[in-house]
Amino acid sequence: MSPGCCCGLEDWRDWLGLLEGGVPWLGHDPSPAIEVAEPVVRLWPDGGNEEEGTASGPCLEIPVGDLARILHTVHDDLQGFLSLTGQWAARHVPSLATDLVTRLGEDLAIGAPLPGGSDPRLL
């Protein structure tokens, strides 16, 4: 599922709001839609109608109970990516490596811990 325009990886922490019943912005064009309907969250890649507030067509369903674990996995993967980026930069652009890792970590909000620490059940 591709995000709509105006929505990117840097917005990944917005998904934490789903755990409290909020809905993250998914962009537009196409018109993605999201619905929290216990026990699942439904995502439509293109089918949301902002004017009518409806969505149709095939959707992706994510069990609400899996969201915390999924977000911890995303955080862990991004931390791994940042570490590998640092290793690559140290070899190829050593004078920029620290700044690159710092900036990328800030822009993607990787460094801050998730609520609940390392235990996804505490989110």
C-alpha atoms as a PDB file:
ATOM      1  CA  MET A   1       0.000   0.000   0.000  1.00  0.00           C
ATOM      2  CA  SER A   2       1.526   3.293  -1.075  1.00  0.00           C
ATOM      3  CA  PRO A   3       0.896   6.482   0.880  1.00  0.00           C
ATOM      4  CA  GLY A   4      -0.855   9.377  -0.765  1.00  0.00           C
ATOM      5  CA  CYS A   5       1.050  12.516  -1.557  1.00  0.00           C
ATOM      6  CA  CYS A   6       1.897  14.696   1.452  1.00  0.00           C
ATOM      7  CA  CYS A   7       2.398  11.581   3.593  1.00  0.00           C
ATOM      8  CA  GLY A   8       5.744   9.906   4.023  1.00  0.00           C
ATOM      9  CA  LEU A   9       7.967   7.805   6.188  1.00  0.00           C
ATOM     10  CA  GLU A  10       8.732  10.836   8.343  1.00  0.00           C
ATOM     11  CA  ASP A  11       5.108  10.643   9.555  1.00  0.00           C
ATOM     12  CA  TRP A  12       5.392   7.098  10.906  1.00  0.00           C
ATOM     13  CA  ARG A  13       4.922   8.201  14.522  1.00  0.00           C
ATOM     14  CA  ASP A  14       1.478   9.580  13.653  1.00  0.00           C
ATOM     15  CA  TRP A  15       0.319   5.957  13.674  1.00  0.00           C
ATOM     16  CA  LEU A  16       0.758   5.939  17.452  1.00  0.00           C
ATOM     17  CA  GLY A  17      -2.473   7.949  17.572  1.00  0.00           C
ATOM     18  CA  LEU A  18      -4.386   4.890  16.367  1.00  0.00           C
ATOM     19  CA  LEU A  19      -3.725   3.305  19.733  1.00  0.00           C
ATOM     20  CA  GLU A  20      -5.796   6.082  21.302  1.00  0.00           C
ATOM     21  CA  GLY A  21      -8.533   6.094  18.668  1.00  0.00           C
ATOM     22  CA  GLY A  22      -7.026   8.848  16.515  1.00  0.00           C
ATOM     23  CA  VAL A  23      -6.588   8.643  12.757  1.00  0.00           C
ATOM     24  CA  PRO A  24      -3.292   9.592  11.101  1.00  0.00           C
ATOM     25  CA  TRP A  25      -3.185  11.765   7.999  1.00  0.00           C
ATOM     26  CA  LEU A  26      -2.541   9.519   4.986  1.00  0.00           C
ATOM     27  CA  GLY A  27      -2.212  12.186   2.346  1.00  0.00           C
ATOM     28  CA  HIS A  28      -4.272  12.493  -0.796  1.00  0.00           C
ATOM     29  CA  ASP A  29      -4.102  11.618  -4.493  1.00  0.00           C
ATOM     30  CA  PRO A  30      -4.903   8.807  -4.434  1.00  0.00           C
ATOM     31  CA  SER A  31      -7.437   9.190  -1.670  1.00  0.00           C
ATOM     32  CA  PRO A  32      -6.393   6.781   1.068  1.00  0.00           C
ATOM     33  CA  ALA A  33      -8.823   6.219   3.891  1.00  0.00           C
ATOM     34  CA  ILE A  34      -8.564   4.678   7.329  1.00  0.00           C
ATOM     35  CA  GLU A  35     -11.212   3.467   9.759  1.00  0.00           C
ATOM     36  CA  VAL A  36     -10.795   2.245  13.319  1.00  0.00           C
ATOM     37  CA  ALA A  37     -13.405  -0.472  13.741  1.00  0.00           C
ATOM     38  CA  GLU A  38     -12.557  -2.740  16.677  1.00  0.00           C
ATOM     39  CA  PRO A  39     -11.043  -5.259  16.477  1.00  0.00           C
ATOM     40  CA  VAL A  40      -9.336  -4.007  13.288  1.00  0.00           C
ATOM     41  CA  VAL A  41      -8.087  -0.900  11.550  1.00  0.00           C
ATOM     42  CA  ARG A  42      -9.121  -0.807   7.885  1.00  0.00           C
ATOM     43  CA  LEU A  43      -7.013   0.940   5.253  1.00  0.00           C
ATOM     44  CA  TRP A  44      -8.084   1.690   1.712  1.00  0.00           C
ATOM     45  CA  PRO A  45      -5.259   2.711  -0.666  1.00  0.00           C
ATOM     46  CA  ASP A  46      -7.633   4.621  -2.906  1.00  0.00           C
ATOM     47  CA  GLY A  47     -11.280   4.838  -2.204  1.00  0.00           C
ATOM     48  CA  GLY A  48     -11.756   7.436   0.435  1.00  0.00           C
ATOM     49  CA  ASN A  49     -14.191  10.180  -0.346  1.00  0.00           C
ATOM     50  CA  GLU A  50     -13.376  13.129   1.891  1.00  0.00           C
ATOM     51  CA  GLU A  51     -16.618  14.899   1.050  1.00  0.00           C
ATOM     52  CA  GLU A  52     -18.834  11.957   1.924  1.00  0.00           C
ATOM     53  CA  GLY A  53     -16.573  10.339   4.533  1.00  0.00           C
ATOM     54  CA  THR A  54     -16.920   6.914   2.933  1.00  0.00           C
ATOM     55  CA  ALA A  55     -14.527   4.345   1.510  1.00  0.00           C
ATOM     56  CA  SER A  56     -15.124   1.410  -0.781  1.00  0.00           C
ATOM     57  CA  GLY A  57     -13.248  -1.376  -2.510  1.00  0.00           C
ATOM     58  CA  PRO A  58     -10.662  -3.803  -1.172  1.00  0.00           C
ATOM     59  CA  CYS A  59      -9.012  -2.817   2.079  1.00  0.00           C
ATOM     60  CA  LEU A  60      -6.152  -3.944   4.284  1.00  0.00           C
ATOM     61  CA  GLU A  61      -7.159  -4.972   7.808  1.00  0.00           C
ATOM     62  CA  ILE A  62      -4.736  -4.706  10.723  1.00  0.00           C
ATOM     63  CA  PRO A  63      -5.755  -6.169  14.074  1.00  0.00           C
ATOM     64  CA  VAL A  64      -5.770  -3.340  16.631  1.00  0.00           C
ATOM     65  CA  GLY A  65      -4.016  -5.648  19.083  1.00  0.00           C
ATOM     66  CA  ASP A  66      -1.045  -5.928  16.676  1.00  0.00           C
ATOM     67  CA  LEU A  67      -0.485  -2.178  16.229  1.00  0.00           C
ATOM     68  CA  ALA A  68       1.902  -1.685  19.157  1.00  0.00           C
ATOM     69  CA  ARG A  69       4.068  -4.607  18.057  1.00  0.00           C
ATOM     70  CA  ILE A  70       4.080  -3.366  14.459  1.00  0.00           C
ATOM     71  CA  LEU A  71       5.124   0.140  15.527  1.00  0.00           C
ATOM     72  CA  HIS A  72       7.926  -1.278  17.684  1.00  0.00           C
ATOM     73  CA  THR A  73       9.100  -3.293  14.677  1.00  0.00           C
ATOM     74  CA  VAL A  74       9.074  -0.148  12.539  1.00  0.00           C
ATOM     75  CA  HIS A  75      11.081   1.708  15.193  1.00  0.00           C
ATOM     76  CA  ASP A  76      13.608  -1.142  15.459  1.00  0.00           C
ATOM     77  CA  ASP A  77      13.950  -1.336  11.664  1.00  0.00           C
ATOM     78  CA  LEU A  78      14.481   2.426  11.387  1.00  0.00           C
ATOM     79  CA  GLN A  79      17.139   2.287  14.107  1.00  0.00           C
ATOM     80  CA  GLY A  80      18.877  -0.499  12.159  1.00  0.00           C
ATOM     81  CA  PHE A  81      18.652   1.558   8.971  1.00  0.00           C
ATOM     82  CA  LEU A  82      20.175   4.537  10.758  1.00  0.00           C
ATOM     83  CA  SER A  83      23.031   2.392  12.067  1.00  0.00           C
ATOM     84  CA  LEU A  84      23.759   0.996   8.594  1.00  0.00           C
ATOM     85  CA  THR A  85      23.598   4.496   7.127  1.00  0.00           C
ATOM     86  CA  GLY A  86      26.213   5.582   9.669  1.00  0.00           C
ATOM     87  CA  GLN A  87      28.479   2.691   8.686  1.00  0.00           C
ATOM     88  CA  TRP A  88      28.071   3.475   4.989  1.00  0.00           C
ATOM     89  CA  ALA A  89      28.687   7.187   5.523  1.00  0.00           C
ATOM     90  CA  ALA A  90      31.792   6.521   7.644  1.00  0.00           C
ATOM     91  CA  ARG A  91      33.300   4.660   4.680  1.00  0.00           C
ATOM     92  CA  HIS A  92      32.168   6.928   1.852  1.00  0.00           C
ATOM     93  CA  VAL A  93      31.826  10.436   3.323  1.00  0.00           C
ATOM     94  CA  PRO A  94      33.522  10.306   6.719  1.00  0.00           C
ATOM     95  CA  SER A  95      33.506  14.056   7.198  1.00  0.00           C
ATOM     96  CA  LEU A  96      29.709  14.116   6.846  1.00  0.00           C
ATOM     97  CA  ALA A  97      28.828  10.848   8.573  1.00  0.00           C
ATOM     98  CA  THR A  98      27.899  12.261  11.983  1.00  0.00           C
ATOM     99  CA  ASP A  99      25.854  15.114  10.526  1.00  0.00           C
ATOM    100  CA  LEU A 100      24.077  12.772   8.105  1.00  0.00           C
ATOM    101  CA  VAL A 101      23.095  10.317  10.829  1.00  0.00           C
ATOM    102  CA  THR A 102      21.999  13.109  13.165  1.00  0.00           C
ATOM    103  CA  ARG A 103      19.877  14.816  10.538  1.00  0.00           C
ATOM    104  CA  LEU A 104      18.310  11.603   9.273  1.00  0.00           C
ATOM    105  CA  GLY A 105      17.545  10.521  12.835  1.00  0.00           C
ATOM    106  CA  GLU A 106      15.878  13.852  13.572  1.00  0.00           C
ATOM    107  CA  ASP A 107      13.916  14.050  10.321  1.00  0.00           C
ATOM    108  CA  LEU A 108      12.553  10.516  10.704  1.00  0.00           C
ATOM    109  CA  ALA A 109      12.066  10.823  14.506  1.00  0.00           C
ATOM    110  CA  ILE A 110      14.064   7.652  15.044  1.00  0.00           C
ATOM    111  CA  GLY A 111      15.979   8.513  18.203  1.00  0.00           C
ATOM    112  CA  ALA A 112      13.112   9.184  20.580  1.00  0.00           C
ATOM    113  CA  PRO A 113      11.890   6.076  22.383  1.00  0.00           C
ATOM    114  CA  LEU A 114       8.339   4.901  21.911  1.00  0.00           C
ATOM    115  CA  PRO A 115       5.900   5.345  24.791  1.00  0.00           C
ATOM    116  CA  GLY A 116       6.127   2.294  27.005  1.00  0.00           C
ATOM    117  CA  GLY A 117       9.822   1.740  26.319  1.00  0.00           C
ATOM    118  CA  SER A 118      10.835  -1.509  24.676  1.00  0.00           C
ATOM    119  CA  ASP A 119       7.685  -3.408  25.640  1.00  0.00           C
ATOM    120  CA  PRO A 120       4.988  -3.011  22.954  1.00  0.00           C
ATOM    121  CA  ARG A 121       2.314  -4.068  25.464  1.00  0.00           C
ATOM    122  CA  LEU A 122       2.929  -0.817  27.348  1.00  0.00           C
ATOM    123  CA  LEU A 123       2.164   1.509  24.412  1.00  0.00           C
END
